[in-house]
Amino acid sequence: MKKIMKLFSILFLITLALVGCSSSDKNDAKKVAEEFVRNIYMVDAKKVAEFKTSFPEAIGVGDTLTKQDEVIKIFQSLDKNIQSLMTKEGYEDIVRCQFNTVSTGICAKGNYTAQITDFTLGENLYGEDNDKVRYRYEVKLKFISADGKSEQTDASTGAVELIKENGSWKVCLCTINQFPKLYK
């Protein structure tokens, strides 16, 4: 009887450990998604200065930025923080469409910085799929002028999708459903 109880206790502990591991995997996906979205939207003065130095004649988004391979290399140097969070294909896609520098370009053009004042990440839209997750997000922003005299608040919504690649969660797709008004 003692052996059976001991066996059940061991099985119970193993089950608890497995449940704990699977839920921490999902939390890791949420952490990666949140870190990614925060890095896309937050723009500090240093990031604005780097962008202006790299593109003094083309502050913002436009044709002149898409024509040069050098520009892609500069973009990649500006967002080391997000590149490590993404799949290779996902990162190439956002660089190709300049999604990774939209916030920085807009802030540089208007001489702003952008801070996140509130962030909400929804539940996984794919349910219990262990290798793929998709979260809707809402981010509330505060844009502050370089001289600190004016502020604007706004919000943005979108979705971020992650897959498990070599045991780690990586962003493979990010969409914006509602851009901040300042971006238009």
Protein backbone atom coordinates (compact mmCIF):
# COMPACT_ATOMS: atom_id res chain seq x y z
CA MET A 1 0.00 0.00 0.00
CA LYS A 2 2.84 2.40 0.88
CA LYS A 3 4.50 1.67 -2.47
CA ILE A 4 1.25 2.47 -4.33
CA MET A 5 0.82 5.74 -2.41
CA LYS A 6 4.45 6.65 -3.09
CA LEU A 7 3.98 5.86 -6.80
CA PHE A 8 0.82 8.03 -6.95
CA SER A 9 2.67 10.86 -5.20
CA ILE A 10 5.51 10.69 -7.71
CA LEU A 11 3.06 10.59 -10.65
CA PHE A 12 1.18 13.55 -9.18
CA LEU A 13 4.39 15.58 -8.86
CA ILE A 14 5.43 14.72 -12.41
CA THR A 15 1.99 15.79 -13.69
CA LEU A 16 2.24 19.09 -11.82
CA ALA A 17 5.71 19.69 -13.28
CA LEU A 18 4.49 19.01 -16.81
CA VAL A 19 1.48 21.31 -16.41
CA GLY A 20 3.77 23.99 -15.01
CA CYS A 21 6.15 23.67 -17.98
CA SER A 22 3.40 23.97 -20.59
CA SER A 23 1.87 27.05 -18.97
CA SER A 24 5.29 28.71 -18.65
CA ASP A 25 5.80 28.11 -22.40
CA LYS A 26 2.62 30.11 -23.09
CA ASN A 27 3.77 32.83 -20.71
CA ASP A 28 7.09 32.97 -22.56
CA ALA A 29 5.17 33.50 -25.82
CA LYS A 30 3.26 36.36 -24.17
CA LYS A 31 6.50 37.87 -22.88
CA VAL A 32 8.09 37.72 -26.34
CA ALA A 33 4.96 39.22 -27.94
CA GLU A 34 4.86 42.05 -25.40
CA GLU A 35 8.58 42.79 -25.73
CA PHE A 36 8.25 42.86 -29.52
CA VAL A 37 5.27 45.24 -29.55
CA ARG A 38 6.91 47.53 -27.00
CA ASN A 39 10.07 47.71 -29.12
CA ILE A 40 8.06 48.56 -32.24
CA TYR A 41 6.21 51.48 -30.63
CA MET A 42 8.62 52.95 -28.07
CA VAL A 43 10.91 55.58 -29.56
CA ASP A 44 13.41 57.41 -27.39
CA ALA A 45 15.56 60.42 -28.29
CA LYS A 46 18.56 58.19 -29.07
CA LYS A 47 16.58 56.19 -31.63
CA VAL A 48 15.34 59.42 -33.25
CA ALA A 49 18.90 60.81 -33.41
CA GLU A 50 20.22 57.58 -35.00
CA PHE A 51 17.43 57.68 -37.57
CA LYS A 52 18.06 61.34 -38.41
CA THR A 53 21.80 60.71 -38.76
CA SER A 54 21.17 57.73 -41.05
CA PHE A 55 18.52 59.47 -43.17
CA PRO A 56 18.98 63.25 -42.95
CA GLU A 57 17.43 63.87 -46.39
CA ALA A 58 14.53 61.44 -46.01
CA ILE A 59 12.95 61.76 -42.60
CA GLY A 60 9.86 59.60 -42.70
CA VAL A 61 8.66 56.84 -44.94
CA GLY A 62 8.81 57.09 -48.72
CA ASP A 63 10.24 55.94 -52.04
CA THR A 64 13.78 57.10 -51.33
CA LEU A 65 14.02 54.62 -48.44
CA THR A 66 12.96 51.58 -50.43
CA LYS A 67 15.47 51.94 -53.29
CA GLN A 68 18.71 51.25 -51.46
CA ASP A 69 20.10 48.00 -50.07
CA GLU A 70 22.20 50.12 -47.71
CA VAL A 71 19.03 51.40 -46.13
CA ILE A 72 18.00 47.86 -45.16
CA LYS A 73 21.35 47.36 -43.43
CA ILE A 74 20.87 50.61 -41.52
CA PHE A 75 17.33 49.59 -40.56
CA GLN A 76 18.68 46.30 -39.24
CA SER A 77 21.22 48.12 -37.11
CA LEU A 78 18.45 50.30 -35.65
CA ASP A 79 16.33 47.41 -34.47
CA LYS A 80 18.62 44.82 -32.98
CA ASN A 81 16.08 44.50 -30.15
CA ILE A 82 13.33 43.13 -32.39
CA GLN A 83 15.46 41.14 -34.82
CA SER A 84 16.39 38.61 -32.15
CA LEU A 85 12.69 38.13 -31.28
CA MET A 86 11.65 37.24 -34.83
CA THR A 87 11.91 34.46 -37.37
CA LYS A 88 14.20 35.28 -40.28
CA GLU A 89 11.27 35.44 -42.72
CA GLY A 90 9.14 37.55 -40.39
CA TYR A 91 11.95 40.04 -39.93
CA GLU A 92 12.65 40.24 -43.68
CA ASP A 93 8.95 40.99 -44.26
CA ILE A 94 8.77 43.88 -41.81
CA VAL A 95 12.04 45.37 -43.15
CA ARG A 96 10.77 45.10 -46.73
CA CYS A 97 7.60 47.07 -45.88
CA GLN A 98 9.47 49.38 -43.44
CA PHE A 99 7.10 48.38 -40.64
CA ASN A 100 10.03 48.19 -38.23
CA THR A 101 10.86 51.89 -38.64
CA VAL A 102 7.41 53.47 -39.03
CA SER A 103 7.31 54.68 -35.43
CA THR A 104 10.88 55.96 -35.49
CA GLY A 105 10.44 57.70 -38.86
CA ILE A 106 7.24 59.45 -37.79
CA CYS A 107 8.78 60.53 -34.49
CA ALA A 108 11.90 61.80 -36.28
CA LYS A 109 9.80 63.73 -38.80
CA GLY A 110 7.73 65.42 -36.09
CA ASN A 111 10.61 65.65 -33.60
CA TYR A 112 8.78 63.50 -31.02
CA THR A 113 9.52 60.58 -28.77
CA ALA A 114 6.92 57.89 -28.09
CA GLN A 115 6.18 56.23 -24.77
CA ILE A 116 3.76 53.43 -24.02
CA THR A 117 1.37 54.40 -21.25
CA ASP A 118 -0.75 51.23 -21.28
CA PHE A 119 -0.49 47.86 -22.98
CA THR A 120 -3.05 45.06 -23.28
CA LEU A 121 -2.35 41.67 -24.79
CA GLY A 122 -5.41 39.49 -25.41
CA GLU A 123 -5.79 35.75 -25.14
CA ASN A 124 -4.32 33.35 -27.68
CA LEU A 125 -6.70 33.31 -30.67
CA TYR A 126 -5.51 29.83 -31.71
CA GLY A 127 -6.65 28.18 -28.51
CA GLU A 128 -4.55 25.29 -27.32
CA ASP A 129 -2.17 24.93 -30.31
CA ASN A 130 1.22 24.47 -28.68
CA ASP A 131 3.44 25.60 -31.56
CA LYS A 132 1.58 28.69 -32.77
CA VAL A 133 -0.07 31.60 -30.95
CA ARG A 134 -1.74 34.82 -32.03
CA TYR A 135 -2.58 37.69 -29.72
CA ARG A 136 -4.48 40.88 -30.37
CA TYR A 137 -2.97 43.89 -28.68
CA GLU A 138 -3.85 47.46 -27.82
CA VAL A 139 -1.20 49.98 -26.98
CA LYS A 140 -1.83 53.48 -25.62
CA LEU A 141 0.86 55.98 -26.49
CA LYS A 142 2.11 59.38 -25.45
CA PHE A 143 4.02 61.41 -28.01
CA ILE A 144 6.24 64.08 -26.45
CA SER A 145 7.85 66.90 -28.41
CA ALA A 146 11.65 67.19 -28.22
CA ASP A 147 11.37 70.43 -26.25
CA GLY A 148 8.93 68.76 -23.82
CA LYS A 149 6.33 71.50 -24.30
CA SER A 150 3.66 69.47 -26.04
CA GLU A 151 2.20 66.00 -25.65
CA GLN A 152 -0.32 63.99 -27.64
CA THR A 153 -1.96 60.76 -26.63
CA ASP A 154 -3.20 58.11 -29.01
CA ALA A 155 -3.73 54.38 -29.36
CA SER A 156 -2.97 51.59 -31.78
CA THR A 157 -4.31 48.06 -32.15
CA GLY A 158 -3.08 45.04 -34.00
CA ALA A 159 -2.09 41.42 -33.72
CA VAL A 160 1.15 39.54 -33.27
CA GLU A 161 1.68 35.90 -34.23
CA LEU A 162 4.44 33.66 -32.89
CA ILE A 163 5.67 30.19 -33.70
CA LYS A 164 7.97 27.89 -31.82
CA GLU A 165 11.33 27.72 -33.57
CA ASN A 166 14.04 25.51 -32.08
CA GLY A 167 12.25 25.54 -28.73
CA SER A 168 11.93 29.34 -28.54
CA TRP A 169 8.97 31.58 -29.33
CA LYS A 170 9.64 33.85 -32.32
CA VAL A 171 7.42 36.50 -33.90
CA CYS A 172 6.56 35.53 -37.47
CA LEU A 173 3.87 38.12 -38.24
CA CYS A 174 2.70 41.44 -36.90
CA THR A 175 -0.19 43.54 -38.14
CA ILE A 176 -1.50 46.95 -37.22
CA ASN A 177 -5.28 47.34 -37.47
CA GLN A 178 -5.44 50.92 -36.19
CA PHE A 179 -2.48 53.24 -36.63
CA PRO A 180 -2.02 56.20 -34.30
CA LYS A 181 -3.40 59.36 -35.94
CA LEU A 182 0.08 60.90 -35.86
CA TYR A 183 1.22 58.23 -38.33
CA LYS A 184 -1.17 59.37 -41.06
